[in-house]
Amino acid sequence: MRSKPLPFLPSPIVLPTFLLAFLLALVSVGASAQGIALADTVLKMPLADDVSMDDAVDSMKLRANSLNFKLVAHLPLSQELAAMEVESGRIEIFQFCDARIANEMLQFNTDFAAYLPCRIALIEDTEGRPWLVTLDLGKIIPSADLPPDLLEKAELVRDNIESIMTAGANGEL
């Protein structure tokens, strides 16, 4: 009677090395699964020292108009807070959209609805310094797995939003 060959048994050195590598891989995956810091998901621009917040608003509206981006909503949040007798710095949220591109993105994947319309917040921090803040589309676009034609349009939206912010931050009229 022939004996069956024994299944492969790793040497005493190989097994602990394999287990250590496996555990390190799990730790690495766990760290990346925790996500990224909130600050890593936004694009922030301070207003230039000689640019008032009102000038920044005017500049953003003019730039958006020149890029065919519609201002579809304006939320003067600090006014609402004042009406509730809550003290805050200035907080306004501006929502811009290119309806045609938005529609194409939604036809491709309805999850894009969570990112529409593009928002730029004008905020005054606790030290009185004004900022423009938006979602960093440059971090979102690569993970969207878009076909080439939509990728080009998504990058155009990203560039236009950054252009609107830059105009506001620098008071470009």
N, C-alpha and C. Protein backbone atom coordinates (compact mmCIF):
# COMPACT_ATOMS: atom_id res chain seq x y z
N MET A 1 0.85 -1.16 0.00
CA MET A 1 0.00 0.00 0.00
C MET A 1 0.90 1.23 0.00
N ARG A 2 0.58 2.09 -0.93
CA ARG A 2 1.34 3.33 -1.04
C ARG A 2 0.79 4.35 -0.08
N SER A 3 1.69 5.09 0.52
CA SER A 3 1.22 6.17 1.41
C SER A 3 0.99 7.43 0.60
N LYS A 4 0.03 8.19 1.00
CA LYS A 4 -0.27 9.46 0.32
C LYS A 4 0.76 10.50 0.75
N PRO A 5 1.13 11.35 -0.19
CA PRO A 5 2.08 12.39 0.21
C PRO A 5 1.41 13.32 1.22
N LEU A 6 2.22 13.80 2.12
CA LEU A 6 1.71 14.73 3.13
C LEU A 6 1.47 16.09 2.48
N PRO A 7 0.43 16.78 2.92
CA PRO A 7 0.21 18.14 2.40
C PRO A 7 1.39 19.01 2.79
N PHE A 8 1.57 20.10 2.02
CA PHE A 8 2.68 21.00 2.28
C PHE A 8 2.55 21.59 3.68
N LEU A 9 3.57 21.46 4.45
CA LEU A 9 3.62 22.08 5.76
C LEU A 9 4.74 23.11 5.74
N PRO A 10 4.44 24.34 6.03
CA PRO A 10 5.47 25.36 5.99
C PRO A 10 6.50 25.15 7.08
N SER A 11 7.68 25.61 6.82
CA SER A 11 8.74 25.51 7.82
C SER A 11 8.41 26.43 8.98
N PRO A 12 9.03 26.23 10.12
CA PRO A 12 8.75 27.09 11.27
C PRO A 12 9.08 28.56 11.01
N ILE A 13 9.88 28.88 10.03
CA ILE A 13 10.23 30.27 9.73
C ILE A 13 9.22 30.88 8.76
N VAL A 14 8.75 30.10 7.80
CA VAL A 14 7.84 30.63 6.78
C VAL A 14 6.49 31.01 7.38
N LEU A 15 5.92 30.19 8.22
CA LEU A 15 4.60 30.46 8.77
C LEU A 15 4.57 31.75 9.58
N PRO A 16 5.47 31.98 10.53
CA PRO A 16 5.42 33.26 11.24
C PRO A 16 5.64 34.47 10.33
N THR A 17 6.49 34.33 9.33
CA THR A 17 6.74 35.42 8.39
C THR A 17 5.47 35.72 7.60
N PHE A 18 4.79 34.67 7.15
CA PHE A 18 3.54 34.85 6.42
C PHE A 18 2.49 35.52 7.31
N LEU A 19 2.36 35.06 8.54
CA LEU A 19 1.37 35.64 9.45
C LEU A 19 1.67 37.11 9.74
N LEU A 20 2.94 37.43 9.92
CA LEU A 20 3.32 38.82 10.17
C LEU A 20 2.96 39.70 8.96
N ALA A 21 3.27 39.22 7.76
CA ALA A 21 2.94 39.98 6.54
C ALA A 21 1.43 40.15 6.41
N PHE A 22 0.69 39.09 6.71
CA PHE A 22 -0.77 39.15 6.64
C PHE A 22 -1.32 40.17 7.63
N LEU A 23 -0.82 40.17 8.87
CA LEU A 23 -1.29 41.11 9.88
C LEU A 23 -0.94 42.55 9.50
N LEU A 24 0.26 42.77 8.94
CA LEU A 24 0.63 44.10 8.50
C LEU A 24 -0.28 44.58 7.37
N ALA A 25 -0.65 43.67 6.49
CA ALA A 25 -1.56 44.03 5.40
C ALA A 25 -2.93 44.42 5.96
N LEU A 26 -3.41 43.69 6.96
CA LEU A 26 -4.69 44.02 7.58
C LEU A 26 -4.64 45.38 8.26
N VAL A 27 -3.55 45.67 8.95
CA VAL A 27 -3.41 46.96 9.62
C VAL A 27 -3.41 48.07 8.58
N SER A 28 -2.72 47.87 7.46
CA SER A 28 -2.65 48.86 6.40
C SER A 28 -4.03 49.10 5.81
N VAL A 29 -4.78 48.05 5.54
CA VAL A 29 -6.13 48.17 4.99
C VAL A 29 -7.02 48.87 6.01
N GLY A 30 -6.89 48.54 7.27
CA GLY A 30 -7.70 49.16 8.32
C GLY A 30 -7.44 50.65 8.40
N ALA A 31 -6.19 51.06 8.28
CA ALA A 31 -5.85 52.48 8.35
C ALA A 31 -6.46 53.23 7.18
N SER A 32 -6.40 52.65 5.98
CA SER A 32 -6.97 53.35 4.83
C SER A 32 -8.48 53.31 4.86
N ALA A 33 -9.08 52.32 5.50
CA ALA A 33 -10.53 52.23 5.57
C ALA A 33 -11.10 53.29 6.52
N GLN A 34 -10.25 53.83 7.40
CA GLN A 34 -10.73 54.85 8.32
C GLN A 34 -10.99 56.16 7.59
N GLY A 35 -10.49 56.30 6.39
CA GLY A 35 -10.77 57.48 5.60
C GLY A 35 -9.68 58.52 5.71
N ILE A 36 -9.98 59.68 5.13
CA ILE A 36 -9.02 60.76 5.15
C ILE A 36 -9.56 61.89 6.02
N ALA A 37 -8.68 62.75 6.42
CA ALA A 37 -9.08 63.87 7.27
C ALA A 37 -10.00 64.81 6.50
N LEU A 38 -10.92 65.42 7.20
CA LEU A 38 -11.88 66.34 6.60
C LEU A 38 -11.16 67.45 5.84
N ALA A 39 -10.09 67.97 6.41
CA ALA A 39 -9.33 69.04 5.76
C ALA A 39 -8.75 68.62 4.42
N ASP A 40 -8.54 67.31 4.24
CA ASP A 40 -7.99 66.81 2.98
C ASP A 40 -9.04 66.74 1.87
N THR A 41 -10.29 66.99 2.19
CA THR A 41 -11.36 66.88 1.20
C THR A 41 -11.83 68.23 0.68
N VAL A 42 -11.27 69.31 1.23
CA VAL A 42 -11.72 70.64 0.84
C VAL A 42 -10.60 71.46 0.24
N LEU A 43 -11.00 72.45 -0.52
CA LEU A 43 -10.09 73.44 -1.08
C LEU A 43 -10.44 74.75 -0.40
N LYS A 44 -9.45 75.38 0.24
CA LYS A 44 -9.67 76.63 0.96
C LYS A 44 -8.75 77.70 0.40
N MET A 45 -9.30 78.90 0.24
CA MET A 45 -8.52 80.05 -0.20
C MET A 45 -8.83 81.23 0.70
N PRO A 46 -7.79 81.84 1.27
CA PRO A 46 -8.04 83.07 2.03
C PRO A 46 -8.27 84.23 1.07
N LEU A 47 -9.05 85.18 1.48
CA LEU A 47 -9.20 86.39 0.67
C LEU A 47 -7.94 87.22 0.82
N ALA A 48 -7.52 87.84 -0.26
CA ALA A 48 -6.37 88.74 -0.21
C ALA A 48 -6.68 89.86 0.78
N ASP A 49 -5.65 90.39 1.40
CA ASP A 49 -5.83 91.41 2.43
C ASP A 49 -6.62 92.62 1.96
N ASP A 50 -6.50 92.97 0.70
CA ASP A 50 -7.18 94.16 0.19
C ASP A 50 -8.54 93.85 -0.44
N VAL A 51 -9.05 92.64 -0.25
CA VAL A 51 -10.33 92.24 -0.85
C VAL A 51 -11.38 92.10 0.26
N SER A 52 -12.45 92.88 0.14
CA SER A 52 -13.54 92.76 1.10
C SER A 52 -14.38 91.53 0.75
N MET A 53 -15.17 91.09 1.70
CA MET A 53 -16.05 89.95 1.43
C MET A 53 -17.10 90.30 0.38
N ASP A 54 -17.59 91.53 0.40
CA ASP A 54 -18.55 91.95 -0.63
C ASP A 54 -17.91 91.94 -2.01
N ASP A 55 -16.65 92.42 -2.10
CA ASP A 55 -15.94 92.39 -3.38
C ASP A 55 -15.74 90.94 -3.85
N ALA A 56 -15.44 90.04 -2.92
CA ALA A 56 -15.25 88.63 -3.27
C ALA A 56 -16.53 88.05 -3.86
N VAL A 57 -17.66 88.39 -3.27
CA VAL A 57 -18.95 87.91 -3.76
C VAL A 57 -19.20 88.42 -5.18
N ASP A 58 -18.99 89.72 -5.38
CA ASP A 58 -19.20 90.29 -6.71
C ASP A 58 -18.28 89.63 -7.73
N SER A 59 -17.02 89.41 -7.35
CA SER A 59 -16.06 88.79 -8.26
C SER A 59 -16.46 87.37 -8.62
N MET A 60 -16.93 86.60 -7.63
CA MET A 60 -17.35 85.23 -7.91
C MET A 60 -18.54 85.21 -8.86
N LYS A 61 -19.50 86.09 -8.64
CA LYS A 61 -20.67 86.12 -9.51
C LYS A 61 -20.30 86.49 -10.94
N LEU A 62 -19.42 87.47 -11.08
CA LEU A 62 -19.00 87.87 -12.42
C LEU A 62 -18.24 86.76 -13.13
N ARG A 63 -17.33 86.10 -12.40
CA ARG A 63 -16.56 85.01 -13.03
C ARG A 63 -17.47 83.86 -13.40
N ALA A 64 -18.38 83.51 -12.51
CA ALA A 64 -19.31 82.41 -12.81
C ALA A 64 -20.11 82.73 -14.07
N ASN A 65 -20.60 83.95 -14.16
CA ASN A 65 -21.38 84.36 -15.33
C ASN A 65 -20.54 84.25 -16.61
N SER A 66 -19.29 84.65 -16.54
CA SER A 66 -18.44 84.59 -17.74
C SER A 66 -18.12 83.15 -18.14
N LEU A 67 -18.24 82.21 -17.20
CA LEU A 67 -17.97 80.79 -17.47
C LEU A 67 -19.25 80.01 -17.77
N ASN A 68 -20.38 80.71 -17.86
CA ASN A 68 -21.70 80.08 -18.07
C ASN A 68 -22.09 79.15 -16.92
N PHE A 69 -21.67 79.51 -15.73
CA PHE A 69 -22.11 78.79 -14.54
C PHE A 69 -23.17 79.65 -13.87
N LYS A 70 -24.31 79.06 -13.63
CA LYS A 70 -25.41 79.80 -13.02
C LYS A 70 -25.29 79.77 -11.50
N LEU A 71 -25.55 80.91 -10.88
CA LEU A 71 -25.71 80.95 -9.44
C LEU A 71 -27.14 80.50 -9.18
N VAL A 72 -27.31 79.27 -8.71
CA VAL A 72 -28.65 78.71 -8.57
C VAL A 72 -29.20 78.84 -7.15
N ALA A 73 -28.33 79.18 -6.19
CA ALA A 73 -28.81 79.38 -4.82
C ALA A 73 -27.79 80.19 -4.04
N HIS A 74 -28.31 80.96 -3.10
CA HIS A 74 -27.48 81.74 -2.19
C HIS A 74 -28.10 81.62 -0.81
N LEU A 75 -27.34 81.15 0.14
CA LEU A 75 -27.84 80.95 1.50
C LEU A 75 -27.05 81.85 2.45
N PRO A 76 -27.63 82.98 2.86
CA PRO A 76 -26.95 83.86 3.82
C PRO A 76 -27.13 83.34 5.25
N LEU A 77 -26.39 82.30 5.57
CA LEU A 77 -26.57 81.59 6.83
C LEU A 77 -26.36 82.48 8.05
N SER A 78 -25.41 83.40 7.99
CA SER A 78 -25.16 84.27 9.15
C SER A 78 -26.37 85.17 9.42
N GLN A 79 -27.12 85.55 8.39
CA GLN A 79 -28.34 86.33 8.60
C GLN A 79 -29.39 85.50 9.33
N GLU A 80 -29.49 84.23 8.96
CA GLU A 80 -30.44 83.33 9.63
C GLU A 80 -30.04 83.16 11.10
N LEU A 81 -28.74 83.00 11.34
CA LEU A 81 -28.27 82.87 12.72
C LEU A 81 -28.55 84.13 13.52
N ALA A 82 -28.33 85.30 12.92
CA ALA A 82 -28.61 86.56 13.60
C ALA A 82 -30.09 86.67 13.97
N ALA A 83 -30.97 86.22 13.08
CA ALA A 83 -32.41 86.24 13.36
C ALA A 83 -32.76 85.35 14.55
N MET A 84 -31.93 84.34 14.79
CA MET A 84 -32.14 83.44 15.93
C MET A 84 -31.32 83.88 17.14
N GLU A 85 -30.73 85.07 17.02
CA GLU A 85 -29.89 85.65 18.08
C GLU A 85 -28.68 84.78 18.40
N VAL A 86 -28.11 84.19 17.37
CA VAL A 86 -26.88 83.40 17.50
C VAL A 86 -25.75 84.20 16.87
N GLU A 87 -24.70 84.45 17.63
CA GLU A 87 -23.57 85.20 17.11
C GLU A 87 -22.70 84.31 16.22
N SER A 88 -22.27 84.89 15.11
CA SER A 88 -21.36 84.18 14.21
C SER A 88 -20.65 85.20 13.36
N GLY A 89 -19.59 84.74 12.75
CA GLY A 89 -18.98 85.55 11.70
C GLY A 89 -19.85 85.41 10.46
N ARG A 90 -19.41 86.06 9.41
CA ARG A 90 -20.18 86.00 8.17
C ARG A 90 -20.07 84.59 7.58
N ILE A 91 -21.21 84.04 7.22
CA ILE A 91 -21.29 82.72 6.59
C ILE A 91 -22.31 82.80 5.47
N GLU A 92 -21.84 82.59 4.25
CA GLU A 92 -22.74 82.55 3.10
C GLU A 92 -22.35 81.37 2.23
N ILE A 93 -23.34 80.72 1.68
CA ILE A 93 -23.10 79.57 0.80
C ILE A 93 -23.67 79.90 -0.57
N PHE A 94 -22.81 79.78 -1.57
CA PHE A 94 -23.19 80.04 -2.95
C PHE A 94 -23.17 78.72 -3.71
N GLN A 95 -24.23 78.48 -4.48
CA GLN A 95 -24.32 77.24 -5.22
C GLN A 95 -24.36 77.55 -6.71
N PHE A 96 -23.40 76.95 -7.44
CA PHE A 96 -23.25 77.19 -8.86
C PHE A 96 -23.49 75.88 -9.62
N CYS A 97 -23.97 76.02 -10.87
CA CYS A 97 -24.26 74.81 -11.63
C CYS A 97 -24.22 75.07 -13.13
N ASP A 98 -23.73 74.10 -13.85
CA ASP A 98 -23.91 74.02 -15.29
C ASP A 98 -24.91 72.88 -15.48
N ALA A 99 -26.16 73.23 -15.75
CA ALA A 99 -27.25 72.25 -15.78
C ALA A 99 -27.02 71.12 -16.77
N ARG A 100 -26.42 71.43 -17.91
CA ARG A 100 -26.20 70.38 -18.91
C ARG A 100 -25.21 69.33 -18.40
N ILE A 101 -24.11 69.81 -17.83
CA ILE A 101 -23.12 68.86 -17.31
C ILE A 101 -23.71 68.09 -16.13
N ALA A 102 -24.44 68.78 -15.26
CA ALA A 102 -25.07 68.11 -14.12
C ALA A 102 -25.99 66.98 -14.60
N ASN A 103 -26.77 67.25 -15.62
CA ASN A 103 -27.68 66.23 -16.15
C ASN A 103 -26.90 65.02 -16.69
N GLU A 104 -25.83 65.28 -17.42
CA GLU A 104 -25.03 64.17 -17.96
C GLU A 104 -24.43 63.32 -16.83
N MET A 105 -23.97 63.98 -15.79
CA MET A 105 -23.39 63.24 -14.66
C MET A 105 -24.47 62.38 -13.99
N LEU A 106 -25.66 62.94 -13.83
CA LEU A 106 -26.75 62.19 -13.19
C LEU A 106 -27.22 61.03 -14.06
N GLN A 107 -27.20 61.21 -15.38
CA GLN A 107 -27.56 60.12 -16.27
C GLN A 107 -26.54 58.99 -16.18
N PHE A 108 -25.29 59.34 -15.93
CA PHE A 108 -24.24 58.33 -15.79
C PHE A 108 -24.35 57.61 -14.44
N ASN A 109 -24.58 58.38 -13.37
CA ASN A 109 -24.64 57.79 -12.04
C ASN A 109 -25.41 58.74 -11.12
N THR A 110 -26.52 58.29 -10.60
CA THR A 110 -27.35 59.14 -9.75
C THR A 110 -26.65 59.55 -8.45
N ASP A 111 -25.58 58.87 -8.07
CA ASP A 111 -24.84 59.24 -6.86
C ASP A 111 -24.26 60.65 -6.96
N PHE A 112 -24.09 61.15 -8.18
CA PHE A 112 -23.57 62.51 -8.34
C PHE A 112 -24.53 63.55 -7.77
N ALA A 113 -25.77 63.18 -7.55
CA ALA A 113 -26.73 64.13 -6.97
C ALA A 113 -26.25 64.65 -5.62
N ALA A 114 -25.49 63.85 -4.89
CA ALA A 114 -24.98 64.28 -3.59
C ALA A 114 -23.97 65.41 -3.71
N TYR A 115 -23.41 65.60 -4.89
CA TYR A 115 -22.39 66.63 -5.09
C TYR A 115 -22.93 67.85 -5.83
N LEU A 116 -24.21 67.87 -6.13
CA LEU A 116 -24.80 68.96 -6.89
C LEU A 116 -25.63 69.86 -6.01
N PRO A 117 -25.72 71.13 -6.32
CA PRO A 117 -24.80 71.85 -7.19
C PRO A 117 -23.48 72.10 -6.48
N CYS A 118 -22.52 72.62 -7.21
CA CYS A 118 -21.21 72.92 -6.62
C CYS A 118 -21.36 74.08 -5.64
N ARG A 119 -20.84 73.92 -4.44
CA ARG A 119 -20.97 74.92 -3.39
C ARG A 119 -19.64 75.59 -3.08
N ILE A 120 -19.71 76.88 -2.88
CA ILE A 120 -18.58 77.63 -2.38
C ILE A 120 -19.09 78.41 -1.17
N ALA A 121 -18.44 78.20 -0.05
CA ALA A 121 -18.83 78.91 1.17
C ALA A 121 -17.87 80.08 1.40
N LEU A 122 -18.44 81.21 1.75
CA LEU A 122 -17.67 82.37 2.19
C LEU A 122 -17.85 82.39 3.70
N ILE A 123 -16.73 82.23 4.41
CA ILE A 123 -16.84 82.19 5.87
C ILE A 123 -15.82 83.14 6.49
N GLU A 124 -16.18 83.61 7.65
CA GLU A 124 -15.28 84.41 8.46
C GLU A 124 -14.92 83.55 9.66
N ASP A 125 -13.64 83.22 9.79
CA ASP A 125 -13.26 82.31 10.87
C ASP A 125 -13.30 83.04 12.23
N THR A 126 -12.99 82.33 13.28
CA THR A 126 -13.10 82.89 14.63
C THR A 126 -12.13 84.04 14.88
N GLU A 127 -11.13 84.18 14.02
CA GLU A 127 -10.19 85.30 14.14
C GLU A 127 -10.55 86.45 13.19
N GLY A 128 -11.69 86.32 12.51
CA GLY A 128 -12.15 87.37 11.61
C GLY A 128 -11.55 87.31 10.21
N ARG A 129 -10.82 86.26 9.91
CA ARG A 129 -10.19 86.11 8.58
C ARG A 129 -11.20 85.46 7.63
N PRO A 130 -11.39 86.08 6.44
CA PRO A 130 -12.35 85.51 5.48
C PRO A 130 -11.72 84.42 4.60
N TRP A 131 -12.51 83.40 4.31
CA TRP A 131 -12.08 82.26 3.50
C TRP A 131 -13.15 81.89 2.49
N LEU A 132 -12.71 81.30 1.40
CA LEU A 132 -13.62 80.62 0.47
C LEU A 132 -13.30 79.13 0.58
N VAL A 133 -14.33 78.31 0.69
CA VAL A 133 -14.15 76.88 0.92
C VAL A 133 -15.09 76.10 0.01
N THR A 134 -14.57 75.03 -0.60
CA THR A 134 -15.39 74.15 -1.43
C THR A 134 -14.89 72.72 -1.32
N LEU A 135 -15.66 71.79 -1.80
CA LEU A 135 -15.25 70.40 -1.92
C LEU A 135 -14.12 70.33 -2.94
N ASP A 136 -13.06 69.63 -2.62
CA ASP A 136 -11.93 69.49 -3.56
C ASP A 136 -12.29 68.43 -4.60
N LEU A 137 -12.82 68.89 -5.72
CA LEU A 137 -13.23 67.97 -6.78
C LEU A 137 -12.05 67.20 -7.35
N GLY A 138 -10.86 67.76 -7.22
CA GLY A 138 -9.66 67.06 -7.68
C GLY A 138 -9.43 65.76 -6.93
N LYS A 139 -9.97 65.65 -5.73
CA LYS A 139 -9.84 64.41 -4.96
C LYS A 139 -10.97 63.43 -5.27
N ILE A 140 -12.09 63.94 -5.74
CA ILE A 140 -13.27 63.11 -6.02
C ILE A 140 -13.24 62.53 -7.43
N ILE A 141 -12.87 63.34 -8.39
CA ILE A 141 -12.94 62.95 -9.80
C ILE A 141 -12.19 61.65 -10.11
N PRO A 142 -10.95 61.47 -9.61
CA PRO A 142 -10.24 60.24 -9.97
C PRO A 142 -10.94 58.95 -9.53
N SER A 143 -11.73 59.02 -8.47
CA SER A 143 -12.40 57.81 -8.00
C SER A 143 -13.76 57.59 -8.66
N ALA A 144 -14.17 58.49 -9.55
CA ALA A 144 -15.50 58.40 -10.15
C ALA A 144 -15.59 57.44 -11.33
N ASP A 145 -14.46 56.99 -11.85
CA ASP A 145 -14.43 56.03 -12.96
C ASP A 145 -15.31 56.50 -14.12
N LEU A 146 -15.03 57.70 -14.58
CA LEU A 146 -15.83 58.31 -15.65
C LEU A 146 -15.29 57.95 -17.02
N PRO A 147 -16.17 57.83 -18.01
CA PRO A 147 -15.70 57.67 -19.39
C PRO A 147 -15.01 58.97 -19.82
N PRO A 148 -14.15 58.91 -20.83
CA PRO A 148 -13.34 60.08 -21.22
C PRO A 148 -14.13 61.37 -21.44
N ASP A 149 -15.29 61.29 -22.09
CA ASP A 149 -16.05 62.53 -22.35
C ASP A 149 -16.57 63.16 -21.06
N LEU A 150 -17.03 62.34 -20.12
CA LEU A 150 -17.50 62.89 -18.84
C LEU A 150 -16.33 63.32 -17.95
N LEU A 151 -15.22 62.62 -18.04
CA LEU A 151 -14.04 63.02 -17.28
C LEU A 151 -13.62 64.43 -17.68
N GLU A 152 -13.63 64.70 -18.97
CA GLU A 152 -13.27 66.02 -19.46
C GLU A 152 -14.22 67.09 -18.90
N LYS A 153 -15.51 66.78 -18.86
CA LYS A 153 -16.49 67.73 -18.33
C LYS A 153 -16.35 67.90 -16.82
N ALA A 154 -16.08 66.83 -16.11
CA ALA A 154 -15.87 66.93 -14.67
C ALA A 154 -14.66 67.80 -14.36
N GLU A 155 -13.61 67.63 -15.14
CA GLU A 155 -12.41 68.45 -14.95
C GLU A 155 -12.68 69.91 -15.29
N LEU A 156 -13.55 70.16 -16.26
CA LEU A 156 -13.95 71.53 -16.59
C LEU A 156 -14.70 72.15 -15.41
N VAL A 157 -15.61 71.40 -14.82
CA VAL A 157 -16.34 71.90 -13.64
C VAL A 157 -15.34 72.21 -12.52
N ARG A 158 -14.43 71.29 -12.25
CA ARG A 158 -13.41 71.52 -11.23
C ARG A 158 -12.64 72.81 -11.51
N ASP A 159 -12.18 72.97 -12.74
CA ASP A 159 -11.40 74.15 -13.11
C ASP A 159 -12.23 75.42 -12.99
N ASN A 160 -13.50 75.36 -13.39
CA ASN A 160 -14.36 76.54 -13.31
C ASN A 160 -14.63 76.94 -11.86
N ILE A 161 -14.89 75.97 -11.01
CA ILE A 161 -15.13 76.28 -9.59
C ILE A 161 -13.87 76.91 -8.98
N GLU A 162 -12.71 76.36 -9.29
CA GLU A 162 -11.46 76.93 -8.78
C GLU A 162 -11.24 78.33 -9.35
N SER A 163 -11.62 78.56 -10.59
CA SER A 163 -11.50 79.88 -11.20
C SER A 163 -12.42 80.88 -10.50
N ILE A 164 -13.63 80.46 -10.19
CA ILE A 164 -14.59 81.32 -9.48
C ILE A 164 -14.04 81.67 -8.10
N MET A 165 -13.49 80.69 -7.42
CA MET A 165 -12.90 80.95 -6.10
C MET A 165 -11.71 81.88 -6.19
N THR A 166 -10.83 81.65 -7.15
CA THR A 166 -9.65 82.48 -7.31
C THR A 166 -10.05 83.93 -7.58
N ALA A 167 -11.05 84.11 -8.46
CA ALA A 167 -11.53 85.46 -8.74
C ALA A 167 -12.04 86.11 -7.45
N GLY A 168 -12.79 85.36 -6.66
CA GLY A 168 -13.30 85.91 -5.41
C GLY A 168 -12.19 86.24 -4.43
N ALA A 169 -11.25 85.32 -4.27
CA ALA A 169 -10.17 85.51 -3.30
C ALA A 169 -9.29 86.71 -3.66
N ASN A 170 -9.14 86.96 -4.96
CA ASN A 170 -8.27 88.06 -5.41
C ASN A 170 -9.04 89.32 -5.77
N GLY A 171 -10.36 89.28 -5.70
CA GLY A 171 -11.16 90.44 -6.04
C GLY A 171 -11.08 90.83 -7.50
N GLU A 172 -10.96 89.82 -8.36
CA GLU A 172 -10.84 90.07 -9.80
C GLU A 172 -12.21 90.39 -10.38
N LEU A 173 -12.36 91.60 -10.86
CA LEU A 173 -13.64 92.01 -11.44
C LEU A 173 -13.60 91.96 -12.94
